[in-house]
N, C-alpha and C. Protein backbone atom coordinates (compact mmCIF):
# COMPACT_ATOMS: atom_id res chain seq x y z
N UNK A 1 -91.12 -57.63 -14.12
CA UNK A 1 -92.09 -58.21 -15.16
C UNK A 1 -91.65 -57.73 -16.60
N UNK A 2 -91.23 -58.68 -17.40
CA UNK A 2 -90.75 -58.29 -18.86
C UNK A 2 -91.99 -57.97 -19.70
N UNK A 3 -91.78 -56.84 -20.36
CA UNK A 3 -93.04 -56.53 -21.12
C UNK A 3 -92.53 -56.78 -22.71
N UNK A 4 -93.54 -57.45 -23.41
CA UNK A 4 -93.52 -57.98 -24.61
C UNK A 4 -94.11 -56.89 -25.75
N UNK A 5 -93.51 -56.77 -26.68
CA UNK A 5 -94.13 -55.76 -27.72
C UNK A 5 -94.97 -56.71 -28.65
N UNK A 6 -96.07 -56.01 -29.11
CA UNK A 6 -97.02 -56.81 -30.05
C UNK A 6 -96.92 -56.10 -31.41
N UNK A 7 -96.18 -56.67 -32.36
CA UNK A 7 -95.92 -56.25 -33.64
C UNK A 7 -97.16 -55.97 -34.49
N UNK A 8 -98.27 -56.62 -34.10
CA UNK A 8 -99.41 -56.56 -34.81
C UNK A 8 -100.09 -55.16 -34.37
N UNK A 9 -99.54 -54.60 -33.35
CA UNK A 9 -100.17 -53.30 -32.76
C UNK A 9 -99.11 -52.13 -33.06
N UNK A 10 -98.05 -52.48 -33.76
CA UNK A 10 -96.90 -51.43 -34.12
C UNK A 10 -96.10 -51.22 -33.00
N UNK A 11 -96.16 -52.11 -32.00
CA UNK A 11 -95.41 -51.73 -30.75
C UNK A 11 -93.92 -52.01 -31.05
N UNK A 12 -92.92 -51.41 -30.20
CA UNK A 12 -91.66 -51.40 -30.20
C UNK A 12 -91.08 -51.41 -28.86
N UNK A 13 -90.01 -51.96 -28.55
CA UNK A 13 -89.47 -52.05 -27.02
C UNK A 13 -88.23 -51.13 -26.95
N UNK A 14 -88.12 -50.30 -26.16
CA UNK A 14 -86.89 -49.39 -25.72
C UNK A 14 -86.47 -50.06 -24.48
N UNK A 15 -85.38 -50.30 -24.65
CA UNK A 15 -84.52 -50.76 -23.15
C UNK A 15 -83.69 -49.58 -22.50
N UNK A 16 -84.33 -49.20 -21.30
CA UNK A 16 -83.95 -48.18 -20.50
C UNK A 16 -83.28 -48.75 -19.34
N UNK A 17 -81.92 -48.77 -19.07
CA UNK A 17 -81.32 -49.16 -17.98
C UNK A 17 -81.64 -50.88 -17.85
N UNK A 18 -81.62 -51.30 -19.04
CA UNK A 18 -81.99 -52.78 -18.79
C UNK A 18 -83.47 -53.36 -18.80
N UNK A 19 -84.21 -52.16 -18.44
CA UNK A 19 -85.59 -52.55 -18.46
C UNK A 19 -86.41 -52.21 -19.67
N UNK A 20 -87.17 -53.27 -20.08
CA UNK A 20 -87.85 -53.15 -21.28
C UNK A 20 -89.09 -52.14 -21.28
N UNK A 21 -89.31 -51.23 -22.14
CA UNK A 21 -90.38 -50.28 -21.99
C UNK A 21 -91.15 -50.31 -23.33
N UNK A 22 -92.47 -50.78 -23.43
CA UNK A 22 -92.99 -50.93 -24.69
C UNK A 22 -93.82 -49.65 -25.18
N UNK A 23 -93.43 -49.21 -26.28
CA UNK A 23 -93.97 -48.20 -27.06
C UNK A 23 -95.26 -48.49 -27.96
N UNK A 24 -96.53 -47.99 -27.64
CA UNK A 24 -97.67 -48.39 -28.52
C UNK A 24 -98.08 -47.21 -28.96
N UNK A 25 -97.96 -46.88 -30.43
CA UNK A 25 -98.44 -45.85 -31.04
C UNK A 25 -99.99 -45.90 -31.37
N UNK A 26 -100.76 -45.74 -30.29
CA UNK A 26 -102.16 -45.71 -30.33
C UNK A 26 -102.65 -44.56 -31.02
N UNK A 27 -103.82 -44.26 -31.56
CA UNK A 27 -104.41 -43.11 -32.10
C UNK A 27 -104.40 -42.03 -30.99
N UNK A 28 -104.94 -42.33 -29.95
CA UNK A 28 -104.83 -41.39 -28.56
C UNK A 28 -103.41 -40.89 -28.23
N UNK A 29 -102.46 -41.69 -28.26
CA UNK A 29 -101.07 -41.53 -28.00
C UNK A 29 -100.50 -40.51 -29.17
N UNK A 30 -100.81 -40.80 -30.49
CA UNK A 30 -100.31 -40.01 -31.39
C UNK A 30 -100.95 -38.45 -31.42
N UNK A 31 -102.34 -38.63 -31.07
CA UNK A 31 -102.95 -37.41 -30.96
C UNK A 31 -102.41 -36.35 -29.81
N UNK A 32 -102.12 -37.03 -28.71
CA UNK A 32 -101.27 -36.25 -27.61
C UNK A 32 -100.11 -35.70 -28.10
N UNK A 33 -99.27 -36.55 -28.88
CA UNK A 33 -97.96 -36.20 -29.37
C UNK A 33 -98.18 -35.09 -30.30
N UNK A 34 -99.18 -35.24 -31.24
CA UNK A 34 -99.33 -34.10 -32.11
C UNK A 34 -99.62 -32.87 -31.27
N UNK A 35 -100.67 -32.86 -30.36
CA UNK A 35 -100.99 -31.70 -29.67
C UNK A 35 -99.83 -30.94 -29.07
N UNK A 36 -98.76 -31.74 -28.69
CA UNK A 36 -97.53 -31.15 -27.94
C UNK A 36 -96.70 -30.64 -28.93
N UNK A 37 -96.34 -31.68 -30.13
CA UNK A 37 -95.34 -31.23 -30.89
C UNK A 37 -95.65 -30.61 -32.35
N UNK A 38 -97.03 -30.62 -32.60
CA UNK A 38 -97.21 -29.94 -33.92
C UNK A 38 -97.51 -31.26 -34.79
N UNK A 39 -98.01 -30.95 -36.14
CA UNK A 39 -98.32 -31.79 -37.14
C UNK A 39 -97.17 -33.13 -37.09
N UNK A 40 -97.59 -34.35 -36.96
CA UNK A 40 -96.71 -35.49 -37.30
C UNK A 40 -96.05 -35.61 -38.51
N UNK A 41 -96.69 -35.24 -39.42
CA UNK A 41 -96.08 -35.39 -40.78
C UNK A 41 -94.77 -34.23 -40.94
N UNK A 42 -94.78 -33.31 -40.21
CA UNK A 42 -93.67 -32.43 -39.97
C UNK A 42 -92.81 -32.91 -39.14
N UNK A 43 -92.97 -33.65 -38.13
CA UNK A 43 -92.13 -34.29 -37.20
C UNK A 43 -91.31 -35.41 -38.08
N UNK A 44 -92.07 -36.19 -38.77
CA UNK A 44 -91.50 -37.04 -39.76
C UNK A 44 -90.55 -36.58 -40.73
N UNK A 45 -90.89 -35.36 -41.27
CA UNK A 45 -89.94 -34.70 -42.24
C UNK A 45 -88.69 -34.20 -41.46
N UNK A 46 -88.85 -33.70 -40.19
CA UNK A 46 -87.76 -33.23 -39.40
C UNK A 46 -86.78 -34.41 -39.08
N UNK A 47 -87.41 -35.43 -38.86
CA UNK A 47 -86.70 -36.77 -38.50
C UNK A 47 -85.92 -37.12 -39.76
N UNK A 48 -86.53 -37.22 -40.92
CA UNK A 48 -85.82 -37.75 -42.10
C UNK A 48 -84.76 -36.98 -42.47
N UNK A 49 -84.79 -35.54 -42.13
CA UNK A 49 -83.85 -34.73 -42.49
C UNK A 49 -82.74 -34.36 -41.49
N UNK A 50 -82.77 -35.35 -40.33
CA UNK A 50 -81.92 -35.26 -39.32
C UNK A 50 -81.94 -34.02 -38.39
N UNK A 51 -83.19 -33.38 -38.40
CA UNK A 51 -83.55 -32.32 -37.60
C UNK A 51 -84.45 -32.43 -36.56
N UNK A 52 -84.70 -33.71 -35.99
CA UNK A 52 -85.54 -33.99 -34.92
C UNK A 52 -84.71 -33.81 -33.72
N UNK A 53 -85.43 -32.98 -32.78
CA UNK A 53 -84.74 -32.74 -31.45
C UNK A 53 -84.98 -33.92 -30.51
N UNK A 54 -83.98 -33.94 -29.54
CA UNK A 54 -84.00 -34.92 -28.69
C UNK A 54 -85.23 -34.68 -27.63
N UNK A 55 -85.76 -33.59 -27.47
CA UNK A 55 -86.95 -33.29 -26.66
C UNK A 55 -88.23 -33.70 -27.46
N UNK A 56 -88.06 -33.72 -28.85
CA UNK A 56 -89.23 -33.96 -29.64
C UNK A 56 -89.29 -35.68 -29.48
N UNK A 57 -88.17 -36.36 -29.67
CA UNK A 57 -88.28 -37.73 -29.66
C UNK A 57 -88.84 -38.11 -28.29
N UNK A 58 -88.16 -37.59 -27.16
CA UNK A 58 -88.67 -38.11 -25.79
C UNK A 58 -90.16 -37.82 -25.52
N UNK A 59 -90.72 -36.71 -26.32
CA UNK A 59 -92.21 -36.37 -26.23
C UNK A 59 -92.94 -37.47 -26.93
N UNK A 60 -92.54 -37.91 -28.09
CA UNK A 60 -93.10 -38.99 -29.03
C UNK A 60 -93.04 -40.23 -28.06
N UNK A 61 -91.87 -40.55 -27.60
CA UNK A 61 -91.84 -41.95 -26.70
C UNK A 61 -92.70 -41.71 -25.66
N UNK A 62 -92.78 -40.54 -24.80
CA UNK A 62 -93.73 -40.66 -23.66
C UNK A 62 -95.00 -40.78 -23.85
N UNK A 63 -95.65 -40.25 -24.82
CA UNK A 63 -96.89 -40.28 -25.29
C UNK A 63 -97.23 -41.82 -25.75
N UNK A 64 -96.33 -42.43 -26.31
CA UNK A 64 -96.42 -43.90 -26.87
C UNK A 64 -96.22 -44.73 -25.77
N UNK A 65 -95.78 -44.35 -24.63
CA UNK A 65 -95.23 -45.52 -23.55
C UNK A 65 -96.49 -46.13 -23.17
N UNK A 66 -96.68 -47.38 -23.32
CA UNK A 66 -97.65 -48.27 -22.96
C UNK A 66 -98.02 -48.15 -21.53
N UNK A 67 -97.08 -48.24 -20.61
CA UNK A 67 -97.12 -48.10 -19.14
C UNK A 67 -96.07 -47.32 -18.59
N UNK A 68 -96.78 -46.25 -18.13
CA UNK A 68 -96.05 -45.11 -17.50
C UNK A 68 -96.08 -45.29 -15.97
N UNK A 69 -96.56 -46.36 -15.30
CA UNK A 69 -96.64 -46.59 -13.89
C UNK A 69 -95.18 -46.43 -13.32
N UNK A 70 -95.32 -45.41 -12.35
CA UNK A 70 -93.95 -45.23 -11.49
C UNK A 70 -92.88 -44.34 -12.23
N UNK A 71 -93.41 -43.86 -13.40
CA UNK A 71 -92.23 -43.01 -14.06
C UNK A 71 -92.79 -41.51 -13.92
N UNK A 72 -92.00 -40.56 -14.03
CA UNK A 72 -91.83 -39.30 -14.27
C UNK A 72 -91.38 -38.91 -15.52
N UNK A 73 -91.85 -37.97 -16.18
CA UNK A 73 -91.37 -37.55 -17.53
C UNK A 73 -89.98 -37.21 -17.45
N UNK A 74 -89.61 -36.38 -16.41
CA UNK A 74 -88.22 -35.88 -16.50
C UNK A 74 -87.23 -37.09 -16.18
N UNK A 75 -87.60 -37.93 -15.33
CA UNK A 75 -86.89 -39.08 -15.00
C UNK A 75 -86.74 -39.92 -16.21
N UNK A 76 -87.81 -40.00 -17.08
CA UNK A 76 -87.73 -40.95 -18.43
C UNK A 76 -86.95 -40.19 -19.21
N UNK A 77 -86.91 -39.01 -19.46
CA UNK A 77 -86.28 -38.13 -20.47
C UNK A 77 -84.83 -38.35 -20.12
N UNK A 78 -84.36 -38.18 -18.84
CA UNK A 78 -82.80 -38.37 -18.47
C UNK A 78 -82.48 -39.66 -18.62
N UNK A 79 -83.28 -40.87 -18.60
CA UNK A 79 -82.87 -42.24 -18.83
C UNK A 79 -82.60 -42.36 -20.37
N UNK A 80 -83.76 -41.67 -21.26
CA UNK A 80 -83.45 -42.06 -22.54
C UNK A 80 -82.13 -41.35 -23.04
N UNK A 81 -81.80 -40.16 -22.54
CA UNK A 81 -80.59 -39.49 -22.85
C UNK A 81 -79.44 -40.34 -22.61
N UNK A 82 -79.49 -41.08 -21.28
CA UNK A 82 -78.38 -41.89 -20.99
C UNK A 82 -78.33 -43.08 -21.90
N UNK A 83 -79.32 -43.64 -22.52
CA UNK A 83 -79.36 -44.64 -23.35
C UNK A 83 -78.45 -44.30 -24.71
N UNK A 84 -78.76 -42.98 -25.11
CA UNK A 84 -78.17 -42.63 -26.21
C UNK A 84 -78.98 -42.86 -27.53
N UNK A 85 -78.69 -42.09 -28.64
CA UNK A 85 -79.47 -42.00 -29.86
C UNK A 85 -79.08 -43.36 -30.58
N UNK A 86 -78.21 -44.06 -30.39
CA UNK A 86 -78.05 -45.39 -31.22
C UNK A 86 -79.19 -46.29 -30.60
N UNK A 87 -79.23 -46.30 -29.45
CA UNK A 87 -80.35 -47.14 -28.71
C UNK A 87 -81.66 -46.74 -29.13
N UNK A 88 -81.90 -45.49 -29.28
CA UNK A 88 -83.22 -45.14 -29.54
C UNK A 88 -83.98 -45.00 -31.02
N UNK A 89 -82.80 -44.82 -31.75
CA UNK A 89 -83.05 -44.76 -33.36
C UNK A 89 -84.13 -45.89 -33.77
N UNK A 90 -83.78 -47.09 -33.48
CA UNK A 90 -84.67 -48.12 -33.99
C UNK A 90 -85.89 -48.14 -33.59
N UNK A 91 -86.14 -47.79 -32.35
CA UNK A 91 -87.60 -47.35 -31.81
C UNK A 91 -88.41 -46.17 -32.35
N UNK A 92 -87.52 -45.27 -32.53
CA UNK A 92 -88.19 -43.98 -33.24
C UNK A 92 -88.52 -44.47 -34.64
N UNK A 93 -87.71 -45.18 -35.51
CA UNK A 93 -88.05 -45.48 -36.68
C UNK A 93 -89.18 -46.53 -36.84
N UNK A 94 -89.40 -47.37 -35.86
CA UNK A 94 -90.54 -48.01 -35.69
C UNK A 94 -91.70 -47.34 -35.57
N UNK A 95 -91.64 -46.31 -34.79
CA UNK A 95 -92.89 -45.33 -34.49
C UNK A 95 -93.00 -44.64 -35.66
N UNK A 96 -92.09 -43.90 -36.39
CA UNK A 96 -92.46 -43.21 -37.63
C UNK A 96 -92.97 -43.94 -38.78
N UNK A 97 -92.53 -45.37 -38.84
CA UNK A 97 -93.20 -46.06 -39.73
C UNK A 97 -94.76 -46.29 -39.48
N UNK A 98 -95.09 -46.45 -38.11
CA UNK A 98 -96.48 -46.64 -37.82
C UNK A 98 -97.25 -45.24 -38.15
N UNK A 99 -96.68 -44.27 -37.84
CA UNK A 99 -97.44 -42.92 -38.24
C UNK A 99 -97.54 -42.82 -39.78
N UNK A 100 -96.69 -43.31 -40.52
CA UNK A 100 -96.71 -43.09 -42.10
C UNK A 100 -97.78 -44.31 -42.59
N UNK A 101 -97.73 -45.36 -42.12
CA UNK A 101 -98.36 -46.52 -42.67
C UNK A 101 -99.75 -46.70 -41.76
N UNK A 102 -99.80 -46.48 -40.73
CA UNK A 102 -100.97 -46.80 -39.98
C UNK A 102 -100.93 -48.13 -39.53
N UNK A 103 -101.95 -48.85 -38.73
CA UNK A 103 -101.97 -50.04 -38.36
C UNK A 103 -102.90 -50.79 -39.02
N UNK A 104 -102.83 -52.06 -39.12
CA UNK A 104 -103.75 -52.71 -40.00
C UNK A 104 -104.94 -53.47 -39.06
């Protein structure tokens, strides 16, 4: 089943092995990410300085993943790594924009 992103909710699609996974930066997802990673503004600053770690990016993606059914975090992390930073950067950017501007 193809998952479509809803841009009005700040969603973005990450293709993992050809499978579209929708990232939805809800309040709950961002709070969970912040509990694990620390303040989101610090995460944004690290990302803008090129200092964001792969594990931090994966954690943010994991918490924003709209549907985790059938996924384990370790498997997801390995799949993200296989896709590479070039594939992940637009999704990361979209999530960071949502963190900064919020949703309407």
